N, C-alpha and C. Protein backbone atom coordinates (compact mmCIF):
# COMPACT_ATOMS: atom_id res chain seq x y z
N MET A 1 31.29 -3.99 -11.39
CA MET A 1 30.51 -2.88 -11.89
C MET A 1 29.02 -3.18 -11.75
N ILE A 2 28.28 -2.22 -11.25
CA ILE A 2 26.83 -2.39 -11.08
C ILE A 2 26.16 -2.22 -12.44
N LYS A 3 25.35 -3.21 -12.80
CA LYS A 3 24.65 -3.17 -14.09
C LYS A 3 23.17 -2.86 -13.94
N ALA A 4 22.62 -3.14 -12.75
CA ALA A 4 21.19 -2.93 -12.55
C ALA A 4 20.91 -2.63 -11.07
N VAL A 5 19.86 -1.86 -10.85
CA VAL A 5 19.37 -1.58 -9.50
C VAL A 5 17.90 -1.96 -9.48
N ILE A 6 17.53 -2.82 -8.57
CA ILE A 6 16.14 -3.25 -8.42
C ILE A 6 15.65 -2.72 -7.08
N PHE A 7 14.47 -2.14 -7.10
CA PHE A 7 13.94 -1.52 -5.89
C PHE A 7 12.49 -1.92 -5.70
N ASP A 8 11.98 -1.69 -4.51
CA ASP A 8 10.61 -2.01 -4.13
C ASP A 8 9.81 -0.71 -4.09
N MET A 9 8.49 -0.84 -4.17
CA MET A 9 7.64 0.34 -4.09
C MET A 9 7.23 0.62 -2.64
N GLY A 10 6.48 -0.30 -2.04
CA GLY A 10 5.95 -0.08 -0.69
C GLY A 10 7.03 -0.05 0.36
N GLY A 11 7.13 1.07 1.07
CA GLY A 11 8.13 1.22 2.11
C GLY A 11 9.47 1.73 1.60
N VAL A 12 9.60 1.86 0.28
CA VAL A 12 10.84 2.36 -0.31
C VAL A 12 10.52 3.63 -1.10
N LEU A 13 9.89 3.48 -2.26
CA LEU A 13 9.51 4.66 -3.04
C LEU A 13 8.25 5.32 -2.49
N LEU A 14 7.38 4.53 -1.92
CA LEU A 14 6.13 5.02 -1.35
C LEU A 14 6.06 4.58 0.10
N ARG A 15 6.00 5.56 1.00
CA ARG A 15 6.03 5.24 2.43
C ARG A 15 4.87 5.90 3.17
N SER A 16 4.39 5.20 4.18
CA SER A 16 3.39 5.78 5.08
C SER A 16 4.14 6.68 6.05
N GLU A 17 3.83 7.97 6.02
CA GLU A 17 4.52 8.93 6.87
C GLU A 17 3.59 9.64 7.85
N ASP A 18 2.31 9.76 7.51
CA ASP A 18 1.33 10.43 8.36
C ASP A 18 0.21 9.43 8.63
N TYR A 19 0.12 9.00 9.86
CA TYR A 19 -0.85 7.97 10.22
C TYR A 19 -2.15 8.54 10.77
N SER A 20 -2.32 9.84 10.73
CA SER A 20 -3.49 10.46 11.37
C SER A 20 -4.81 10.00 10.74
N THR A 21 -4.88 9.90 9.41
CA THR A 21 -6.15 9.46 8.81
C THR A 21 -6.40 7.98 9.07
N ARG A 22 -5.35 7.18 9.11
CA ARG A 22 -5.55 5.76 9.47
C ARG A 22 -6.02 5.64 10.91
N ASP A 23 -5.46 6.46 11.77
CA ASP A 23 -5.91 6.45 13.17
C ASP A 23 -7.39 6.83 13.26
N GLN A 24 -7.80 7.83 12.47
CA GLN A 24 -9.21 8.23 12.45
C GLN A 24 -10.10 7.09 11.96
N LEU A 25 -9.70 6.45 10.89
CA LEU A 25 -10.47 5.32 10.36
C LEU A 25 -10.57 4.20 11.39
N ALA A 26 -9.47 3.87 11.99
CA ALA A 26 -9.46 2.80 12.98
C ALA A 26 -10.43 3.11 14.11
N GLN A 27 -10.40 4.34 14.58
CA GLN A 27 -11.30 4.75 15.65
C GLN A 27 -12.76 4.62 15.20
N GLN A 28 -13.02 5.01 13.96
CA GLN A 28 -14.37 4.93 13.40
C GLN A 28 -14.87 3.49 13.37
N TYR A 29 -13.96 2.54 13.16
CA TYR A 29 -14.33 1.13 13.08
C TYR A 29 -14.02 0.38 14.38
N HIS A 30 -13.78 1.13 15.45
CA HIS A 30 -13.62 0.57 16.79
C HIS A 30 -12.48 -0.44 16.88
N MET A 31 -11.32 -0.03 16.38
CA MET A 31 -10.14 -0.88 16.45
C MET A 31 -8.91 0.02 16.46
N THR A 32 -7.77 -0.60 16.66
CA THR A 32 -6.53 0.16 16.58
C THR A 32 -6.08 0.24 15.12
N ARG A 33 -5.20 1.17 14.85
CA ARG A 33 -4.63 1.27 13.51
C ARG A 33 -3.90 -0.01 13.13
N ILE A 34 -3.20 -0.58 14.08
CA ILE A 34 -2.45 -1.82 13.82
C ILE A 34 -3.41 -2.95 13.43
N GLU A 35 -4.54 -3.05 14.13
CA GLU A 35 -5.53 -4.09 13.79
C GLU A 35 -6.07 -3.87 12.38
N MET A 36 -6.34 -2.60 12.04
CA MET A 36 -6.87 -2.29 10.72
C MET A 36 -5.81 -2.59 9.64
N GLU A 37 -4.57 -2.18 9.90
CA GLU A 37 -3.51 -2.46 8.93
C GLU A 37 -3.30 -3.96 8.76
N ASP A 38 -3.51 -4.73 9.82
CA ASP A 38 -3.37 -6.17 9.71
C ASP A 38 -4.43 -6.75 8.78
N ILE A 39 -5.63 -6.19 8.79
CA ILE A 39 -6.67 -6.64 7.86
C ILE A 39 -6.26 -6.32 6.43
N VAL A 40 -5.74 -5.12 6.21
CA VAL A 40 -5.37 -4.69 4.86
C VAL A 40 -4.11 -5.40 4.36
N PHE A 41 -3.10 -5.52 5.24
CA PHE A 41 -1.79 -6.04 4.79
C PHE A 41 -1.49 -7.47 5.22
N GLY A 42 -2.08 -7.95 6.31
CA GLY A 42 -1.65 -9.22 6.86
C GLY A 42 -2.69 -10.32 6.87
N SER A 43 -3.88 -10.04 6.38
CA SER A 43 -4.94 -11.04 6.39
C SER A 43 -4.70 -12.12 5.34
N GLU A 44 -5.48 -13.16 5.41
CA GLU A 44 -5.40 -14.22 4.40
C GLU A 44 -5.69 -13.63 3.01
N SER A 45 -6.66 -12.74 2.95
CA SER A 45 -7.00 -12.08 1.69
C SER A 45 -5.80 -11.31 1.14
N ALA A 46 -5.09 -10.60 2.02
CA ALA A 46 -3.91 -9.84 1.59
C ALA A 46 -2.83 -10.78 1.07
N GLN A 47 -2.64 -11.88 1.76
CA GLN A 47 -1.63 -12.84 1.32
C GLN A 47 -1.98 -13.43 -0.04
N LEU A 48 -3.26 -13.75 -0.23
CA LEU A 48 -3.69 -14.30 -1.53
C LEU A 48 -3.55 -13.26 -2.64
N ALA A 49 -3.86 -12.02 -2.33
CA ALA A 49 -3.72 -10.95 -3.34
C ALA A 49 -2.25 -10.72 -3.68
N SER A 50 -1.37 -10.84 -2.70
CA SER A 50 0.05 -10.57 -2.96
C SER A 50 0.70 -11.63 -3.84
N ILE A 51 0.08 -12.80 -3.95
CA ILE A 51 0.63 -13.84 -4.84
C ILE A 51 -0.25 -14.04 -6.08
N GLY A 52 -1.19 -13.13 -6.29
CA GLY A 52 -1.99 -13.17 -7.50
C GLY A 52 -3.16 -14.13 -7.49
N LYS A 53 -3.51 -14.66 -6.32
CA LYS A 53 -4.64 -15.58 -6.25
C LYS A 53 -5.96 -14.85 -6.04
N LEU A 54 -5.90 -13.59 -5.68
CA LEU A 54 -7.06 -12.70 -5.63
C LEU A 54 -6.69 -11.41 -6.35
N THR A 55 -7.67 -10.78 -6.98
CA THR A 55 -7.41 -9.47 -7.55
C THR A 55 -7.46 -8.44 -6.43
N ILE A 56 -6.94 -7.26 -6.72
CA ILE A 56 -6.99 -6.18 -5.73
C ILE A 56 -8.43 -5.83 -5.42
N HIS A 57 -9.30 -5.93 -6.42
CA HIS A 57 -10.72 -5.63 -6.20
C HIS A 57 -11.36 -6.66 -5.26
N GLN A 58 -11.01 -7.92 -5.43
CA GLN A 58 -11.52 -8.96 -4.53
C GLN A 58 -10.99 -8.74 -3.11
N HIS A 59 -9.73 -8.38 -3.00
CA HIS A 59 -9.16 -8.13 -1.68
C HIS A 59 -9.88 -6.98 -0.98
N TRP A 60 -10.10 -5.86 -1.70
CA TRP A 60 -10.80 -4.73 -1.08
C TRP A 60 -12.25 -5.07 -0.78
N GLU A 61 -12.86 -5.92 -1.55
CA GLU A 61 -14.22 -6.38 -1.23
C GLU A 61 -14.20 -7.18 0.06
N ASN A 62 -13.19 -8.01 0.25
CA ASN A 62 -13.05 -8.75 1.51
C ASN A 62 -12.86 -7.80 2.69
N ILE A 63 -12.06 -6.77 2.51
CA ILE A 63 -11.86 -5.77 3.56
C ILE A 63 -13.19 -5.09 3.86
N ARG A 64 -13.90 -4.70 2.81
CA ARG A 64 -15.20 -4.03 2.98
C ARG A 64 -16.15 -4.90 3.79
N GLN A 65 -16.22 -6.17 3.46
CA GLN A 65 -17.11 -7.08 4.17
C GLN A 65 -16.65 -7.30 5.61
N THR A 66 -15.35 -7.46 5.81
CA THR A 66 -14.81 -7.69 7.15
C THR A 66 -15.13 -6.53 8.08
N LEU A 67 -15.00 -5.31 7.56
CA LEU A 67 -15.24 -4.12 8.38
C LEU A 67 -16.67 -3.60 8.30
N ASN A 68 -17.49 -4.29 7.49
CA ASN A 68 -18.89 -3.90 7.31
C ASN A 68 -19.00 -2.46 6.78
N ILE A 69 -18.19 -2.15 5.80
CA ILE A 69 -18.20 -0.84 5.17
C ILE A 69 -19.28 -0.84 4.10
N PRO A 70 -20.19 0.11 4.13
CA PRO A 70 -21.18 0.18 3.04
C PRO A 70 -20.47 0.33 1.69
N PRO A 71 -20.96 -0.35 0.66
CA PRO A 71 -20.28 -0.30 -0.65
C PRO A 71 -19.99 1.13 -1.12
N ALA A 72 -20.92 2.03 -0.92
CA ALA A 72 -20.73 3.41 -1.38
C ALA A 72 -19.61 4.13 -0.62
N ASP A 73 -19.25 3.63 0.56
CA ASP A 73 -18.24 4.28 1.40
C ASP A 73 -16.82 3.75 1.17
N LEU A 74 -16.70 2.66 0.42
CA LEU A 74 -15.37 2.06 0.22
C LEU A 74 -14.37 3.01 -0.44
N PRO A 75 -14.75 3.74 -1.50
CA PRO A 75 -13.76 4.66 -2.10
C PRO A 75 -13.21 5.69 -1.10
N GLU A 76 -14.05 6.21 -0.24
CA GLU A 76 -13.58 7.19 0.76
C GLU A 76 -12.70 6.51 1.80
N PHE A 77 -13.04 5.30 2.19
CA PHE A 77 -12.21 4.53 3.12
C PHE A 77 -10.81 4.35 2.52
N GLN A 78 -10.75 3.94 1.25
CA GLN A 78 -9.46 3.74 0.59
C GLN A 78 -8.68 5.05 0.51
N ARG A 79 -9.35 6.13 0.14
CA ARG A 79 -8.68 7.43 0.05
C ARG A 79 -8.07 7.81 1.39
N MET A 80 -8.84 7.63 2.45
CA MET A 80 -8.33 7.98 3.78
C MET A 80 -7.22 7.03 4.22
N PHE A 81 -7.35 5.76 3.88
CA PHE A 81 -6.33 4.78 4.28
C PHE A 81 -4.98 5.15 3.68
N TRP A 82 -4.96 5.59 2.43
CA TRP A 82 -3.70 5.89 1.73
C TRP A 82 -3.29 7.36 1.85
N ALA A 83 -4.10 8.20 2.47
CA ALA A 83 -3.86 9.65 2.49
C ALA A 83 -2.52 10.04 3.09
N GLY A 84 -1.99 9.26 4.00
CA GLY A 84 -0.73 9.60 4.65
C GLY A 84 0.51 9.06 3.97
N ASP A 85 0.33 8.41 2.82
CA ASP A 85 1.48 7.86 2.09
C ASP A 85 2.11 8.94 1.23
N ARG A 86 3.43 8.90 1.16
CA ARG A 86 4.18 9.91 0.41
C ARG A 86 5.20 9.25 -0.51
N VAL A 87 5.33 9.79 -1.70
CA VAL A 87 6.36 9.35 -2.65
C VAL A 87 7.67 10.01 -2.27
N ASP A 88 8.74 9.25 -2.26
CA ASP A 88 10.08 9.79 -2.01
C ASP A 88 10.64 10.30 -3.34
N TYR A 89 10.35 11.56 -3.64
CA TYR A 89 10.76 12.12 -4.93
C TYR A 89 12.28 12.24 -5.04
N GLY A 90 12.96 12.38 -3.93
CA GLY A 90 14.42 12.40 -3.96
C GLY A 90 14.97 11.07 -4.47
N LEU A 91 14.41 9.98 -3.99
CA LEU A 91 14.83 8.65 -4.44
C LEU A 91 14.43 8.42 -5.89
N VAL A 92 13.25 8.87 -6.26
CA VAL A 92 12.81 8.75 -7.66
C VAL A 92 13.81 9.48 -8.57
N GLY A 93 14.19 10.69 -8.17
CA GLY A 93 15.16 11.45 -8.95
C GLY A 93 16.49 10.74 -9.06
N TYR A 94 16.94 10.16 -7.95
CA TYR A 94 18.20 9.42 -7.96
C TYR A 94 18.12 8.23 -8.93
N LEU A 95 17.01 7.48 -8.86
CA LEU A 95 16.86 6.34 -9.75
C LEU A 95 16.82 6.78 -11.21
N GLN A 96 16.18 7.91 -11.47
CA GLN A 96 16.15 8.43 -12.84
C GLN A 96 17.55 8.82 -13.30
N SER A 97 18.37 9.31 -12.38
CA SER A 97 19.72 9.72 -12.75
C SER A 97 20.61 8.53 -13.12
N LEU A 98 20.25 7.36 -12.67
CA LEU A 98 21.04 6.16 -12.99
C LEU A 98 20.88 5.74 -14.44
N ARG A 99 19.74 6.07 -15.01
CA ARG A 99 19.44 5.64 -16.37
C ARG A 99 20.01 6.64 -17.37
N PRO A 100 20.49 6.26 -18.48
CA PRO A 100 20.44 4.93 -19.09
C PRO A 100 21.68 4.08 -18.81
N LYS A 101 22.65 4.59 -18.05
CA LYS A 101 23.88 3.80 -17.79
C LYS A 101 23.58 2.50 -17.04
N ILE A 102 22.66 2.58 -16.08
CA ILE A 102 22.34 1.42 -15.25
C ILE A 102 20.86 1.11 -15.43
N LYS A 103 20.57 -0.16 -15.64
CA LYS A 103 19.17 -0.57 -15.74
C LYS A 103 18.53 -0.45 -14.37
N THR A 104 17.26 -0.01 -14.35
CA THR A 104 16.52 0.05 -13.10
C THR A 104 15.26 -0.78 -13.26
N GLY A 105 14.83 -1.35 -12.15
CA GLY A 105 13.61 -2.16 -12.19
C GLY A 105 12.88 -2.09 -10.88
N LEU A 106 11.58 -2.23 -10.98
CA LEU A 106 10.71 -2.27 -9.81
C LEU A 106 10.27 -3.70 -9.61
N LEU A 107 10.52 -4.24 -8.44
CA LEU A 107 10.11 -5.59 -8.08
C LEU A 107 9.24 -5.44 -6.84
N SER A 108 7.96 -5.70 -6.99
CA SER A 108 7.05 -5.43 -5.88
C SER A 108 5.87 -6.37 -5.89
N ASN A 109 5.32 -6.62 -4.73
CA ASN A 109 4.10 -7.41 -4.64
C ASN A 109 2.87 -6.50 -4.61
N ALA A 110 3.09 -5.20 -4.74
CA ALA A 110 1.97 -4.24 -4.68
C ALA A 110 1.19 -4.26 -5.98
């Protein structure tokens, strides 16, 4: 008998589905979307943030410095970077339907 369901946020409950704004940002910073995503998700800063050795604010400051983003422009960069992400409300509803019979939990490095 299943007693608990543990799920992840990034790529499960929250997925990147529209890459157009990331493509625009990448073009603006003279790189590919993959290169830009590697800075956000795969850099040393990202790795340190994912294990709690850097705060999310420190990580985004590193991204800002790496891409030479003016401080005032960082909030718009972040908004555009995440603009194509979508919550899977069908999955959220399913997980809600499991409770209270089955414990649910979120396990994520986000």
